[in-house]
C-alpha atoms as a PDB file:
ATOM      1  CA  MET A   1      74.494 185.119  35.375  1.00  0.00           C
ATOM      2  CA  HIS A   2      75.353 181.653  36.930  1.00  0.00           C
ATOM      3  CA  LYS A   3      72.917 179.444  38.520  1.00  0.00           C
ATOM      4  CA  LEU A   4      73.465 177.893  41.812  1.00  0.00           C
ATOM      5  CA  PRO A   5      75.460 176.544  43.316  1.00  0.00           C
ATOM      6  CA  PHE A   6      78.810 178.091  42.197  1.00  0.00           C
ATOM      7  CA  GLU A   7      82.151 176.452  41.890  1.00  0.00           C
ATOM      8  CA  TYR A   8      83.928 177.558  44.933  1.00  0.00           C
ATOM      9  CA  ASN A   9      85.646 175.901  47.953  1.00  0.00           C
ATOM     10  CA  TYR A  10      84.146 177.127  51.240  1.00  0.00           C
ATOM     11  CA  ASP A  11      87.161 175.233  53.038  1.00  0.00           C
ATOM     12  CA  ASP A  12      89.005 178.943  53.980  1.00  0.00           C
ATOM     13  CA  ILE A  13      90.337 179.454  57.280  1.00  0.00           C
ATOM     14  CA  ASP A  14      89.074 183.103  57.552  1.00  0.00           C
ATOM     15  CA  ILE A  15      85.643 181.775  56.402  1.00  0.00           C
ATOM     16  CA  LEU A  16      85.485 178.690  58.923  1.00  0.00           C
ATOM     17  CA  LYS A  17      86.775 180.831  61.748  1.00  0.00           C
ATOM     18  CA  ALA A  18      83.723 183.384  60.956  1.00  0.00           C
ATOM     19  CA  LEU A  19      81.310 180.507  60.748  1.00  0.00           C
ATOM     20  CA  ASN A  20      82.259 179.246  64.003  1.00  0.00           C
ATOM     21  CA  LYS A  21      81.652 182.921  65.780  1.00  0.00           C
ATOM     22  CA  ALA A  22      78.711 183.488  64.157  1.00  0.00           C
ATOM     23  CA  ASN A  23      76.832 179.868  64.666  1.00  0.00           C
ATOM     24  CA  SER A  24      78.098 180.363  68.441  1.00  0.00           C
ATOM     25  CA  LYS A  25      75.972 183.850  68.671  1.00  0.00           C
ATOM     26  CA  LEU A  26      73.142 182.560  66.626  1.00  0.00           C
ATOM     27  CA  GLY A  27      73.132 179.516  68.638  1.00  0.00           C
ATOM     28  CA  GLU A  28      72.837 181.428  71.642  1.00  0.00           C
ATOM     29  CA  LEU A  29      70.423 183.842  70.628  1.00  0.00           C
ATOM     30  CA  ASN A  30      67.770 180.458  69.563  1.00  0.00           C
ATOM     31  CA  GLY A  31      68.666 178.927  73.228  1.00  0.00           C
ATOM     32  CA  ILE A  32      67.146 182.528  74.767  1.00  0.00           C
ATOM     33  CA  ILE A  33      64.324 182.345  72.576  1.00  0.00           C
ATOM     34  CA  ASN A  34      63.055 178.724  73.590  1.00  0.00           C
ATOM     35  CA  THR A  35      63.739 179.359  77.266  1.00  0.00           C
ATOM     36  CA  MET A  36      60.897 182.379  77.255  1.00  0.00           C
ATOM     37  CA  PRO A  37      57.786 181.708  78.185  1.00  0.00           C
ATOM     38  CA  ASN A  38      56.118 184.075  75.566  1.00  0.00           C
ATOM     39  CA  PRO A  39      58.849 184.978  73.140  1.00  0.00           C
ATOM     40  CA  ASN A  40      55.820 186.322  70.158  1.00  0.00           C
ATOM     41  CA  ILE A  41      56.033 189.309  72.758  1.00  0.00           C
ATOM     42  CA  ILE A  42      59.504 190.270  71.971  1.00  0.00           C
ATOM     43  CA  LEU A  43      59.197 188.699  68.144  1.00  0.00           C
ATOM     44  CA  ASN A  44      56.854 191.838  67.663  1.00  0.00           C
ATOM     45  CA  ALA A  45      59.406 194.526  68.897  1.00  0.00           C
ATOM     46  CA  VAL A  46      62.499 193.310  66.813  1.00  0.00           C
ATOM     47  CA  ILE A  47      60.022 192.468  63.662  1.00  0.00           C
ATOM     48  CA  LEU A  48      58.909 196.317  63.832  1.00  0.00           C
ATOM     49  CA  GLY A  49      62.544 197.524  64.170  1.00  0.00           C
ATOM     50  CA  GLU A  50      63.730 195.333  61.397  1.00  0.00           C
ATOM     51  CA  ALA A  51      60.479 196.617  59.402  1.00  0.00           C
ATOM     52  CA  LYS A  52      61.561 200.192  59.779  1.00  0.00           C
ATOM     53  CA  GLU A  53      65.592 199.496  59.261  1.00  0.00           C
ATOM     54  CA  SER A  54      64.819 197.735  56.015  1.00  0.00           C
ATOM     55  CA  SER A  55      62.602 200.050  54.222  1.00  0.00           C
ATOM     56  CA  GLU A  56      65.037 203.015  55.316  1.00  0.00           C
ATOM     57  CA  ILE A  57      67.733 200.970  53.072  1.00  0.00           C
ATOM     58  CA  GLU A  58      65.260 201.704  50.040  1.00  0.00           C
ATOM     59  CA  ASN A  59      64.756 205.469  51.099  1.00  0.00           C
ATOM     60  CA  ILE A  60      61.206 204.695  52.741  1.00  0.00           C
ATOM     61  CA  VAL A  61      61.889 206.913  55.804  1.00  0.00           C
ATOM     62  CA  THR A  62      59.104 207.372  58.867  1.00  0.00           C
ATOM     63  CA  THR A  63      58.983 207.494  62.553  1.00  0.00           C
ATOM     64  CA  PHE A  64      58.532 204.266  65.249  1.00  0.00           C
ATOM     65  CA  ASP A  65      55.954 207.094  66.254  1.00  0.00           C
ATOM     66  CA  GLU A  66      54.083 207.251  63.174  1.00  0.00           C
ATOM     67  CA  VAL A  67      54.668 203.234  62.303  1.00  0.00           C
ATOM     68  CA  PHE A  68      53.239 202.552  65.665  1.00  0.00           C
ATOM     69  CA  LYS A  69      49.989 205.011  64.966  1.00  0.00           C
ATOM     70  CA  GLU A  70      49.628 203.170  61.388  1.00  0.00           C
ATOM     71  CA  ILE A  71      48.895 199.769  63.197  1.00  0.00           C
ATOM     72  CA  THR A  72      46.846 201.414  65.750  1.00  0.00           C
ATOM     73  CA  LEU A  73      44.780 203.883  63.762  1.00  0.00           C
ATOM     74  CA  LYS A  74      45.504 202.540  60.156  1.00  0.00           C
ATOM     75  CA  ASN A  75      45.482 206.093  58.537  1.00  0.00           C
ATOM     76  CA  GLN A  76      48.911 207.017  58.333  1.00  0.00           C
ATOM     77  CA  ASN A  77      51.331 208.433  55.770  1.00  0.00           C
ATOM     78  CA  SER A  78      52.337 205.749  53.221  1.00  0.00           C
ATOM     79  CA  ALA A  79      55.998 205.159  54.470  1.00  0.00           C
ATOM     80  CA  SER A  80      54.455 204.077  57.533  1.00  0.00           C
ATOM     81  CA  LYS A  81      51.816 201.742  56.161  1.00  0.00           C
ATOM     82  CA  GLU A  82      54.822 200.249  53.681  1.00  0.00           C
ATOM     83  CA  VAL A  83      56.622 199.542  57.094  1.00  0.00           C
ATOM     84  CA  VAL A  84      53.529 197.687  58.175  1.00  0.00           C
ATOM     85  CA  ASN A  85      53.156 195.684  55.364  1.00  0.00           C
ATOM     86  CA  TYR A  86      56.666 194.801  55.776  1.00  0.00           C
ATOM     87  CA  ARG A  87      55.651 193.401  59.159  1.00  0.00           C
ATOM     88  CA  GLN A  88      52.742 191.429  57.696  1.00  0.00           C
ATOM     89  CA  ALA A  89      54.930 189.949  54.958  1.00  0.00           C
ATOM     90  CA  ILE A  90      57.654 188.719  57.436  1.00  0.00           C
ATOM     91  CA  LEU A  91      54.848 186.954  59.441  1.00  0.00           C
ATOM     92  CA  TYR A  92      52.962 185.725  56.693  1.00  0.00           C
ATOM     93  CA  GLY A  93      56.236 184.155  55.326  1.00  0.00           C
ATOM     94  CA  PHE A  94      56.938 182.272  58.632  1.00  0.00           C
ATOM     95  CA  SER A  95      53.809 180.799  59.068  1.00  0.00           C
ATOM     96  CA  GLN A  96      53.912 179.415  55.539  1.00  0.00           C
ATOM     97  CA  VAL A  97      57.553 178.090  56.203  1.00  0.00           C
ATOM     98  CA  LYS A  98      56.094 176.757  59.318  1.00  0.00           C
ATOM     99  CA  ASP A  99      53.261 174.922  57.957  1.00  0.00           C
ATOM    100  CA  ASN A 100      55.069 173.687  54.403  1.00  0.00           C
ATOM    101  CA  GLY A 101      58.517 172.865  55.219  1.00  0.00           C
ATOM    102  CA  PHE A 102      59.733 174.800  52.551  1.00  0.00           C
ATOM    103  CA  ILE A 103      60.240 177.920  50.448  1.00  0.00           C
ATOM    104  CA  SER A 104      58.912 178.277  47.322  1.00  0.00           C
ATOM    105  CA  SER A 105      59.030 180.581  44.165  1.00  0.00           C
ATOM    106  CA  LYS A 106      55.173 181.240  45.043  1.00  0.00           C
ATOM    107  CA  ILE A 107      55.702 181.934  48.876  1.00  0.00           C
ATOM    108  CA  ILE A 108      58.341 184.454  47.456  1.00  0.00           C
ATOM    109  CA  GLU A 109      56.145 186.331  45.059  1.00  0.00           C
ATOM    110  CA  GLU A 110      53.168 185.936  47.740  1.00  0.00           C
ATOM    111  CA  ILE A 111      55.754 188.041  50.593  1.00  0.00           C
ATOM    112  CA  HIS A 112      56.453 190.519  47.459  1.00  0.00           C
ATOM    113  CA  HIS A 113      52.875 190.993  46.753  1.00  0.00           C
ATOM    114  CA  ILE A 114      52.291 191.829  50.589  1.00  0.00           C
ATOM    115  CA  ILE A 115      55.270 194.266  50.653  1.00  0.00           C
ATOM    116  CA  GLU A 116      54.335 196.012  47.245  1.00  0.00           C
ATOM    117  CA  PRO A 117      50.496 195.181  46.592  1.00  0.00           C
ATOM    118  CA  ASN A 118      50.288 197.368  43.680  1.00  0.00           C
ATOM    119  CA  VAL A 119      53.717 196.892  41.921  1.00  0.00           C
ATOM    120  CA  GLY A 120      52.634 193.515  40.094  1.00  0.00           C
ATOM    121  CA  GLY A 121      54.417 190.131  40.101  1.00  0.00           C
ATOM    122  CA  ILE A 122      57.561 188.753  38.408  1.00  0.00           C
ATOM    123  CA  ARG A 123      59.020 191.479  35.737  1.00  0.00           C
ATOM    124  CA  LYS A 124      57.432 190.943  32.161  1.00  0.00           C
ATOM    125  CA  ILE A 125      58.832 193.986  30.197  1.00  0.00           C
ATOM    126  CA  PRO A 126      62.428 194.270  29.434  1.00  0.00           C
ATOM    127  CA  GLY A 127      64.757 196.764  30.133  1.00  0.00           C
ATOM    128  CA  THR A 128      65.510 196.581  33.808  1.00  0.00           C
ATOM    129  CA  VAL A 129      69.049 197.576  35.203  1.00  0.00           C
ATOM    130  CA  ILE A 130      70.709 198.187  38.458  1.00  0.00           C
ATOM    131  CA  MET A 131      72.357 201.383  38.332  1.00  0.00           C
ATOM    132  CA  ASN A 132      74.477 203.988  40.594  1.00  0.00           C
ATOM    133  CA  THR A 133      71.871 206.326  41.303  1.00  0.00           C
ATOM    134  CA  LYS A 134      74.460 209.247  41.643  1.00  0.00           C
ATOM    135  CA  THR A 135      76.191 208.114  38.612  1.00  0.00           C
ATOM    136  CA  LYS A 136      73.944 206.534  36.250  1.00  0.00           C
ATOM    137  CA  GLU A 137      76.715 203.639  35.545  1.00  0.00           C
ATOM    138  CA  ILE A 138      75.085 200.518  35.129  1.00  0.00           C
ATOM    139  CA  LEU A 139      76.008 197.843  37.503  1.00  0.00           C
ATOM    140  CA  HIS A 140      74.247 194.848  36.910  1.00  0.00           C
ATOM    141  CA  ASN A 141      71.927 193.645  34.097  1.00  0.00           C
ATOM    142  CA  PRO A 142      69.489 190.880  35.670  1.00  0.00           C
ATOM    143  CA  PRO A 143      67.519 188.500  33.514  1.00  0.00           C
ATOM    144  CA  GLN A 144      65.265 190.309  31.320  1.00  0.00           C
ATOM    145  CA  SER A 145      62.404 187.891  30.376  1.00  0.00           C
ATOM    146  CA  GLU A 146      59.781 186.641  32.564  1.00  0.00           C
ATOM    147  CA  ASN A 147      60.924 182.778  31.338  1.00  0.00           C
ATOM    148  CA  GLU A 148      64.512 183.587  31.969  1.00  0.00           C
ATOM    149  CA  ILE A 149      63.631 184.749  35.722  1.00  0.00           C
ATOM    150  CA  ARG A 150      61.614 182.133  36.201  1.00  0.00           C
ATOM    151  CA  ASP A 151      63.999 179.909  35.235  1.00  0.00           C
ATOM    152  CA  TYR A 152      66.799 181.258  37.735  1.00  0.00           C
ATOM    153  CA  LEU A 153      64.031 181.346  40.486  1.00  0.00           C
ATOM    154  CA  SER A 154      63.259 177.757  39.767  1.00  0.00           C
ATOM    155  CA  ASN A 155      66.880 176.950  40.272  1.00  0.00           C
ATOM    156  CA  LEU A 156      66.844 178.965  43.327  1.00  0.00           C
ATOM    157  CA  GLU A 157      63.984 177.145  44.924  1.00  0.00           C
ATOM    158  CA  LYS A 158      65.905 173.994  44.541  1.00  0.00           C
ATOM    159  CA  TYR A 159      68.783 175.249  46.346  1.00  0.00           C
ATOM    160  CA  ILE A 160      67.078 176.491  49.168  1.00  0.00           C
ATOM    161  CA  ASN A 161      65.264 173.535  49.673  1.00  0.00           C
ATOM    162  CA  TYR A 162      67.290 170.536  48.310  1.00  0.00           C
ATOM    163  CA  ASP A 163      70.615 170.145  50.505  1.00  0.00           C
ATOM    164  CA  GLU A 164      72.038 167.727  48.047  1.00  0.00           C
ATOM    165  CA  LEU A 165      72.616 170.634  45.568  1.00  0.00           C
ATOM    166  CA  GLU A 166      75.219 172.012  47.963  1.00  0.00           C
ATOM    167  CA  ASN A 167      75.454 170.740  51.212  1.00  0.00           C
ATOM    168  CA  THR A 168      77.477 173.298  52.833  1.00  0.00           C
ATOM    169  CA  ASP A 169      76.731 175.091  56.136  1.00  0.00           C
ATOM    170  CA  PRO A 170      73.327 177.297  56.265  1.00  0.00           C
ATOM    171  CA  LEU A 171      74.819 180.794  56.765  1.00  0.00           C
ATOM    172  CA  ILE A 172      77.042 180.121  53.616  1.00  0.00           C
ATOM    173  CA  LYS A 173      73.989 178.867  51.646  1.00  0.00           C
ATOM    174  CA  MET A 174      71.864 181.802  53.201  1.00  0.00           C
ATOM    175  CA  SER A 175      74.294 184.444  52.018  1.00  0.00           C
ATOM    176  CA  MET A 176      74.055 182.759  48.636  1.00  0.00           C
ATOM    177  CA  ILE A 177      70.498 182.616  48.242  1.00  0.00           C
ATOM    178  CA  HIS A 178      70.622 186.375  49.058  1.00  0.00           C
ATOM    179  CA  TYR A 179      73.293 187.189  46.534  1.00  0.00           C
ATOM    180  CA  GLN A 180      71.364 185.349  43.814  1.00  0.00           C
ATOM    181  CA  PHE A 181      68.127 186.677  44.384  1.00  0.00           C
ATOM    182  CA  GLU A 182      69.440 190.483  44.638  1.00  0.00           C
ATOM    183  CA  SER A 183      70.936 189.363  41.072  1.00  0.00           C
ATOM    184  CA  ILE A 184      67.953 187.986  39.837  1.00  0.00           C
ATOM    185  CA  HIS A 185      65.944 190.906  40.908  1.00  0.00           C
ATOM    186  CA  PRO A 186      62.502 189.717  39.673  1.00  0.00           C
ATOM    187  CA  PHE A 187      60.366 192.329  40.690  1.00  0.00           C
ATOM    188  CA  HIS A 188      59.860 196.123  39.688  1.00  0.00           C
ATOM    189  CA  ASP A 189      60.353 197.127  43.259  1.00  0.00           C
ATOM    190  CA  GLY A 190      60.867 195.606  46.701  1.00  0.00           C
ATOM    191  CA  ASN A 191      63.568 193.276  45.708  1.00  0.00           C
ATOM    192  CA  GLY A 192      65.666 194.438  48.701  1.00  0.00           C
ATOM    193  CA  ARG A 193      62.925 193.936  51.286  1.00  0.00           C
ATOM    194  CA  THR A 194      62.081 190.428  49.653  1.00  0.00           C
ATOM    195  CA  GLY A 195      65.362 189.322  49.921  1.00  0.00           C
ATOM    196  CA  ARG A 196      66.337 190.277  53.541  1.00  0.00           C
ATOM    197  CA  ILE A 197      62.922 188.572  54.605  1.00  0.00           C
ATOM    198  CA  LEU A 198      64.215 185.321  52.722  1.00  0.00           C
ATOM    199  CA  ASN A 199      67.374 185.229  54.676  1.00  0.00           C
ATOM    200  CA  VAL A 200      65.452 184.955  58.094  1.00  0.00           C
ATOM    201  CA  LEU A 201      63.235 182.577  56.721  1.00  0.00           C
ATOM    202  CA  TYR A 202      65.871 180.246  55.231  1.00  0.00           C
ATOM    203  CA  LEU A 203      67.412 180.359  58.869  1.00  0.00           C
ATOM    204  CA  VAL A 204      64.089 179.534  60.297  1.00  0.00           C
ATOM    205  CA  LEU A 205      63.820 176.500  57.778  1.00  0.00           C
ATOM    206  CA  GLN A 206      67.152 175.523  58.398  1.00  0.00           C
ATOM    207  CA  GLN A 207      66.098 174.933  62.141  1.00  0.00           C
ATOM    208  CA  LYS A 208      68.895 177.658  63.114  1.00  0.00           C
ATOM    209  CA  LEU A 209      66.131 179.620  64.624  1.00  0.00           C
ATOM    210  CA  SER A 210      62.632 178.821  66.203  1.00  0.00           C
ATOM    211  CA  LEU A 211      61.281 182.445  65.546  1.00  0.00           C
ATOM    212  CA  PRO A 212      61.839 185.235  62.408  1.00  0.00           C
ATOM    213  CA  ILE A 213      64.091 187.150  65.014  1.00  0.00           C
ATOM    214  CA  LEU A 214      67.361 187.995  63.395  1.00  0.00           C
ATOM    215  CA  TYR A 215      67.437 190.610  60.738  1.00  0.00           C
ATOM    216  CA  LEU A 216      70.397 192.248  59.096  1.00  0.00           C
ATOM    217  CA  SER A 217      69.131 195.071  57.932  1.00  0.00           C
ATOM    218  CA  LYS A 218      70.501 197.342  60.585  1.00  0.00           C
ATOM    219  CA  TYR A 219      73.773 195.944  60.109  1.00  0.00           C
ATOM    220  CA  ILE A 220      73.564 196.651  56.254  1.00  0.00           C
ATOM    221  CA  ASN A 221      72.290 200.216  57.011  1.00  0.00           C
ATOM    222  CA  SER A 222      75.519 201.004  59.079  1.00  0.00           C
ATOM    223  CA  ASN A 223      77.778 198.970  56.505  1.00  0.00           C
ATOM    224  CA  ARG A 224      75.900 200.098  53.341  1.00  0.00           C
ATOM    225  CA  GLU A 225      78.849 200.907  50.945  1.00  0.00           C
ATOM    226  CA  GLU A 226      80.739 197.669  51.804  1.00  0.00           C
ATOM    227  CA  TYR A 227      77.397 195.672  50.928  1.00  0.00           C
ATOM    228  CA  TYR A 228      77.123 197.191  47.554  1.00  0.00           C
ATOM    229  CA  LYS A 229      80.601 196.710  46.516  1.00  0.00           C
ATOM    230  CA  CYS A 230      80.601 193.173  47.659  1.00  0.00           C
ATOM    231  CA  LEU A 231      77.584 192.259  45.458  1.00  0.00           C
ATOM    232  CA  TYR A 232      79.181 194.085  42.609  1.00  0.00           C
ATOM    233  CA  ASP A 233      82.579 192.645  42.914  1.00  0.00           C
ATOM    234  CA  MET A 234      81.115 189.130  43.224  1.00  0.00           C
ATOM    235  CA  ARG A 235      79.161 189.893  40.058  1.00  0.00           C
ATOM    236  CA  ILE A 236      82.728 190.578  37.965  1.00  0.00           C
ATOM    237  CA  ASP A 237      85.064 187.977  39.543  1.00  0.00           C
ATOM    238  CA  ASN A 238      83.641 184.852  41.706  1.00  0.00           C
ATOM    239  CA  LYS A 239      87.446 185.552  43.536  1.00  0.00           C
ATOM    240  CA  TYR A 240      85.459 187.971  45.407  1.00  0.00           C
ATOM    241  CA  ILE A 241      83.064 185.253  46.890  1.00  0.00           C
ATOM    242  CA  LYS A 242      85.330 185.315  49.976  1.00  0.00           C
ATOM    243  CA  ASN A 243      84.874 188.913  50.890  1.00  0.00           C
ATOM    244  CA  TYR A 244      80.975 188.885  50.564  1.00  0.00           C
ATOM    245  CA  LEU A 245      80.645 185.943  52.724  1.00  0.00           C
ATOM    246  CA  LEU A 246      82.634 187.269  55.175  1.00  0.00           C
ATOM    247  CA  TYR A 247      80.359 190.508  55.319  1.00  0.00           C
ATOM    248  CA  MET A 248      77.640 188.338  55.545  1.00  0.00           C
ATOM    249  CA  ILE A 249      78.569 186.494  58.178  1.00  0.00           C
ATOM    250  CA  ASN A 250      79.959 188.809  60.107  1.00  0.00           C
ATOM    251  CA  GLY A 251      76.494 190.384  60.190  1.00  0.00           C
ATOM    252  CA  VAL A 252      74.975 187.203  61.460  1.00  0.00           C
ATOM    253  CA  GLU A 253      77.542 187.571  64.280  1.00  0.00           C
ATOM    254  CA  GLN A 254      77.125 191.149  65.100  1.00  0.00           C
ATOM    255  CA  THR A 255      73.065 191.342  64.596  1.00  0.00           C
ATOM    256  CA  SER A 256      72.926 188.575  66.778  1.00  0.00           C
ATOM    257  CA  ILE A 257      74.751 190.253  69.487  1.00  0.00           C
ATOM    258  CA  PHE A 258      72.835 193.316  68.875  1.00  0.00           C
ATOM    259  CA  THR A 259      69.379 190.632  69.402  1.00  0.00           C
ATOM    260  CA  LEU A 260      70.842 189.219  72.499  1.00  0.00           C
ATOM    261  CA  GLY A 261      71.429 192.603  74.294  1.00  0.00           C
ATOM    262  CA  PHE A 262      68.223 193.904  72.765  1.00  0.00           C
ATOM    263  CA  ILE A 263      65.987 190.943  74.193  1.00  0.00           C
ATOM    264  CA  ASP A 264      68.089 191.764  77.752  1.00  0.00           C
ATOM    265  CA  LYS A 265      66.851 195.233  78.141  1.00  0.00           C
ATOM    266  CA  PHE A 266      63.213 194.394  76.759  1.00  0.00           C
ATOM    267  CA  ARG A 267      62.789 191.823  79.727  1.00  0.00           C
ATOM    268  CA  LYS A 268      64.381 194.006  82.174  1.00  0.00           C
ATOM    269  CA  ALA A 269      61.861 197.048  81.067  1.00  0.00           C
ATOM    270  CA  MET A 270      59.162 194.273  81.380  1.00  0.00           C
ATOM    271  CA  ASP A 271      60.041 193.131  84.892  1.00  0.00           C
ATOM    272  CA  ASN A 272      60.369 196.673  85.941  1.00  0.00           C
ATOM    273  CA  CYS A 273      56.776 197.560  84.839  1.00  0.00           C
ATOM    274  CA  LYS A 274      55.860 194.444  86.186  1.00  0.00           C
ATOM    275  CA  ASN A 275      56.678 195.142  89.751  1.00  0.00           C
ATOM    276  CA  LEU A 276      55.747 198.888  89.630  1.00  0.00           C
ATOM    277  CA  VAL A 277      51.874 197.589  88.664  1.00  0.00           C
ATOM    278  CA  LYS A 278      51.851 194.926  91.038  1.00  0.00           C
ATOM    279  CA  GLN A 279      53.181 197.151  94.097  1.00  0.00           C
ATOM    280  CA  ASN A 280      50.834 200.302  93.577  1.00  0.00           C
ATOM    281  CA  LYS A 281      47.719 198.811  91.531  1.00  0.00           C
ATOM    282  CA  PRO A 282      47.755 194.897  92.769  1.00  0.00           C
ATOM    283  CA  LYS A 283      44.150 194.933  91.967  1.00  0.00           C
ATOM    284  CA  ILE A 284      44.291 195.541  88.362  1.00  0.00           C
ATOM    285  CA  TYR A 285      47.624 193.682  88.083  1.00  0.00           C
ATOM    286  CA  SER A 286      47.967 190.541  85.852  1.00  0.00           C
ATOM    287  CA  GLU A 287      50.592 188.874  83.713  1.00  0.00           C
ATOM    288  CA  GLU A 288      48.123 188.778  80.915  1.00  0.00           C
ATOM    289  CA  LEU A 289      47.609 192.470  81.074  1.00  0.00           C
ATOM    290  CA  ILE A 290      51.500 193.079  81.510  1.00  0.00           C
ATOM    291  CA  GLU A 291      51.996 190.623  78.566  1.00  0.00           C
ATOM    292  CA  TYR A 292      49.464 192.406  76.389  1.00  0.00           C
ATOM    293  CA  LEU A 293      51.053 195.862  77.102  1.00  0.00           C
ATOM    294  CA  PHE A 294      54.339 194.815  75.996  1.00  0.00           C
ATOM    295  CA  TYR A 295      52.722 193.389  72.573  1.00  0.00           C
ATOM    296  CA  ASP A 296      51.833 196.362  70.842  1.00  0.00           C
ATOM    297  CA  PHE A 297      53.585 200.096  71.506  1.00  0.00           C
ATOM    298  CA  TYR A 298      49.849 201.724  71.703  1.00  0.00           C
ATOM    299  CA  THR A 299      46.745 200.442  72.906  1.00  0.00           C
ATOM    300  CA  LYS A 300      43.112 202.183  73.012  1.00  0.00           C
ATOM    301  CA  ASN A 301      39.916 201.099  75.258  1.00  0.00           C
ATOM    302  CA  GLU A 302      38.562 198.970  72.751  1.00  0.00           C
ATOM    303  CA  TYR A 303      41.619 196.597  72.113  1.00  0.00           C
ATOM    304  CA  LEU A 304      42.012 196.192  75.722  1.00  0.00           C
ATOM    305  CA  ARG A 305      38.699 195.278  76.521  1.00  0.00           C
ATOM    306  CA  GLU A 306      38.928 192.837  73.913  1.00  0.00           C
ATOM    307  CA  LYS A 307      42.059 191.339  75.187  1.00  0.00           C
ATOM    308  CA  LEU A 308      41.381 191.095  78.642  1.00  0.00           C
ATOM    309  CA  SER A 309      37.403 190.619  78.272  1.00  0.00           C
ATOM    310  CA  VAL A 310      36.386 193.290  80.487  1.00  0.00           C
ATOM    311  CA  SER A 311      33.725 196.311  80.156  1.00  0.00           C
ATOM    312  CA  ARG A 312      34.516 199.578  78.561  1.00  0.00           C
ATOM    313  CA  ASN A 313      34.366 201.053  82.258  1.00  0.00           C
ATOM    314  CA  THR A 314      36.725 198.689  83.667  1.00  0.00           C
ATOM    315  CA  ALA A 315      39.438 198.989  80.540  1.00  0.00           C
ATOM    316  CA  GLY A 316      38.939 202.933  80.957  1.00  0.00           C
ATOM    317  CA  LYS A 317      39.943 202.569  84.830  1.00  0.00           C
ATOM    318  CA  TYR A 318      42.878 200.609  83.866  1.00  0.00           C
ATOM    319  CA  LEU A 319      44.198 202.816  81.323  1.00  0.00           C
ATOM    320  CA  SER A 320      43.801 205.823  83.637  1.00  0.00           C
ATOM    321  CA  GLU A 321      45.469 204.042  86.594  1.00  0.00           C
ATOM    322  CA  LEU A 322      48.446 202.964  84.461  1.00  0.00           C
ATOM    323  CA  GLU A 323      48.697 206.491  83.111  1.00  0.00           C
ATOM    324  CA  GLU A 324      48.870 207.634  86.800  1.00  0.00           C
ATOM    325  CA  LEU A 325      51.762 205.348  87.159  1.00  0.00           C
ATOM    326  CA  GLY A 326      53.463 206.643  84.303  1.00  0.00           C
ATOM    327  CA  VAL A 327      53.576 203.217  82.254  1.00  0.00           C
ATOM    328  CA  LEU A 328      51.072 204.828  79.519  1.00  0.00           C
ATOM    329  CA  THR A 329      50.735 208.066  77.802  1.00  0.00           C
ATOM    330  CA  SER A 330      47.438 209.137  76.368  1.00  0.00           C
ATOM    331  CA  GLU A 331      47.213 211.202  73.228  1.00  0.00           C
ATOM    332  CA  GLN A 332      44.179 212.361  71.689  1.00  0.00           C
ATOM    333  CA  VAL A 333      44.389 211.868  67.946  1.00  0.00           C
ATOM    334  CA  GLY A 334      40.956 212.882  66.065  1.00  0.00           C
ATOM    335  CA  LYS A 335      37.955 211.233  67.988  1.00  0.00           C
ATOM    336  CA  GLU A 336      40.483 208.328  69.241  1.00  0.00           C
ATOM    337  CA  LYS A 337      42.427 208.293  72.642  1.00  0.00           C
ATOM    338  CA  ILE A 338      45.367 205.896  72.579  1.00  0.00           C
ATOM    339  CA  TYR A 339      47.559 205.269  74.899  1.00  0.00           C
ATOM    340  CA  LYS A 340      51.372 204.861  74.222  1.00  0.00           C
ATOM    341  CA  ASN A 341      53.730 202.102  76.556  1.00  0.00           C
ATOM    342  CA  ASN A 342      56.928 204.107  78.039  1.00  0.00           C
ATOM    343  CA  TYR A 343      58.873 201.429  78.633  1.00  0.00           C
ATOM    344  CA  LEU A 344      58.698 200.150  74.974  1.00  0.00           C
ATOM    345  CA  TYR A 345      58.953 203.412  73.318  1.00  0.00           C
ATOM    346  CA  ASP A 346      61.899 204.372  75.157  1.00  0.00           C
ATOM    347  CA  LEU A 347      63.311 200.713  74.590  1.00  0.00           C
ATOM    348  CA  ILE A 348      62.776 200.804  70.829  1.00  0.00           C
ATOM    349  CA  LYS A 349      64.254 204.452  69.948  1.00  0.00           C
ATOM    350  CA  GLU A 350      67.469 202.452  71.146  1.00  0.00           C
ATOM    351  CA  TRP A 351      66.977 200.650  68.015  1.00  0.00           C
END
């Protein structure tokens, strides 16, 4: 394994063209985010979509319904719990980048601990290999000793935070950071999910995005074989860097386009809901109510009354009237009565 930076001339016409298109769409996405009055509402939906997609890459399969109920009731299956942990790891990483202005090895370890709280930290026992699970062929031997792993992570930390190590387009650096982290493979489990969070945190660090709202997991899931081939080829010979970079940069462009479309649909759904409530239930309508309803996919009386500072009876009245309108659908789960936002649920099913 080589440390970063690699010796490679990125001034290739195909790479430059791909960067131009990807940066244009990424800039458009960030521009839309910055014009929204409360972008955190959409951020929550996007992060949940990413959490589910990223977990599926690791064969952690659940449904959105199970994930939403895990958030609301906290008593669902282990797969949905892992997806919710992933969401929490993204939000934690984002807060650390905003507060500190850098991404350290310690922050990466803390993000991993949220994703996989029972796995432990940096690998200490040698013997880990990356292999084809079907053929059992060994594809890569990552660093083995803890000291060697930490040495590579220290180099990666410098590469992330100090432009003088390699002052090039952030999308190129994001791609190389992702490759190197996956090659170091510092943990026994959860490396893929941690590495994919690192992608978006680096774009936030570089001020390419003001919120962590762009995720490549959906793109990787749709092009999984090509993704693994690009990683494998690069480990054989640096001449394959171009193919890998084009894959990753195209992923940024395609994911930006997808996210722009999702945001547009989200805003239209929110406006439709707002108009419906305003016209038919003007006594309960407020901007605060609509924003709250679109922040989480499920709610219940306790949450609504806390958010709006109303009594239990008033919250119950609001929920009943919203269900009557078709905005919400109630469901009895044990002793709890929960309410699903039909607009949001229909929207996320298209993710």
